[in-house]
Amino acid sequence: MKTKSAAKKRFRKTGTGKIRRGAKGRRHILTKRTRKSKRQLRGGRLVHKADEANIKLLIPYA
């Protein structure tokens, strides 16, 4: 079984088995955002519980 290349670039598994993802809105047009909002986008987010099962199929060995 192969890992989906797009998924391995976007998701990681945490120590407890949950799936982490990056925050959206960090690519471009950041000049209009406040310093605080850009700082809050640094950390990762957890994938929603409803999507977790599908993503685990895409990264079986993670």
Protein backbone atom coordinates (compact mmCIF):
# COMPACT_ATOMS: atom_id res chain seq x y z
CA MET A 1 0.00 0.00 0.00
CA LYS A 2 1.41 3.38 -1.00
CA THR A 3 1.23 6.62 0.94
CA LYS A 4 -0.47 9.44 -0.96
CA SER A 5 2.27 11.98 -1.75
CA ALA A 6 0.01 14.99 -1.36
CA ALA A 7 -1.09 13.79 2.08
CA LYS A 8 2.39 13.12 3.43
CA LYS A 9 3.34 16.71 2.63
CA ARG A 10 0.32 18.12 4.49
CA PHE A 11 -0.36 15.88 7.48
CA ARG A 12 1.56 14.35 10.40
CA LYS A 13 0.48 12.02 13.14
CA THR A 14 0.86 13.14 16.75
CA GLY A 15 2.06 10.95 19.58
CA THR A 16 -1.50 10.19 20.64
CA GLY A 17 -2.54 9.19 17.10
CA LYS A 18 -4.36 12.36 16.07
CA ILE A 19 -3.62 14.07 12.75
CA ARG A 20 -2.00 17.50 12.58
CA ARG A 21 -2.20 19.97 9.71
CA GLY A 22 -0.86 23.42 8.99
CA ALA A 23 -2.90 26.58 9.41
CA LYS A 24 -4.52 28.06 6.33
CA GLY A 25 -3.89 31.62 5.16
CA ARG A 26 -0.09 31.79 5.48
CA ARG A 27 0.96 31.87 1.82
CA HIS A 28 0.52 35.41 0.53
CA ILE A 29 -1.32 38.73 1.06
CA LEU A 30 -0.11 38.92 4.63
CA THR A 31 0.34 42.69 4.63
CA LYS A 32 -3.29 43.34 5.54
CA ARG A 33 -3.16 40.99 8.52
CA THR A 34 -2.21 42.18 11.98
CA ARG A 35 0.94 41.02 13.69
CA LYS A 36 -1.16 39.09 16.20
CA SER A 37 -3.15 37.18 13.59
CA LYS A 38 0.01 36.18 11.68
CA ARG A 39 1.59 34.98 14.91
CA GLN A 40 -1.45 32.85 15.73
CA LEU A 41 -1.21 31.14 12.33
CA ARG A 42 2.24 29.72 13.12
CA GLY A 43 1.15 26.69 15.08
CA GLY A 44 -0.47 23.61 13.58
CA ARG A 45 -4.07 22.59 13.94
CA LEU A 46 -5.72 19.23 14.50
CA VAL A 47 -7.76 17.70 11.71
CA HIS A 48 -11.49 17.50 12.46
CA LYS A 49 -12.71 14.19 13.82
CA ALA A 50 -15.03 13.65 10.83
CA ASP A 51 -12.08 13.85 8.38
CA GLU A 52 -9.59 11.88 10.46
CA ALA A 53 -10.53 8.40 9.21
CA ASN A 54 -10.15 9.39 5.53
CA ILE A 55 -6.75 10.97 6.10
CA LYS A 56 -5.51 7.93 8.03
CA LEU A 57 -6.21 5.87 4.91
CA LEU A 58 -4.01 8.22 2.87
CA ILE A 59 -1.03 7.96 5.27
CA PRO A 60 -1.12 4.33 6.43
CA TYR A 61 2.47 4.19 7.75
CA ALA A 62 2.59 7.55 9.50
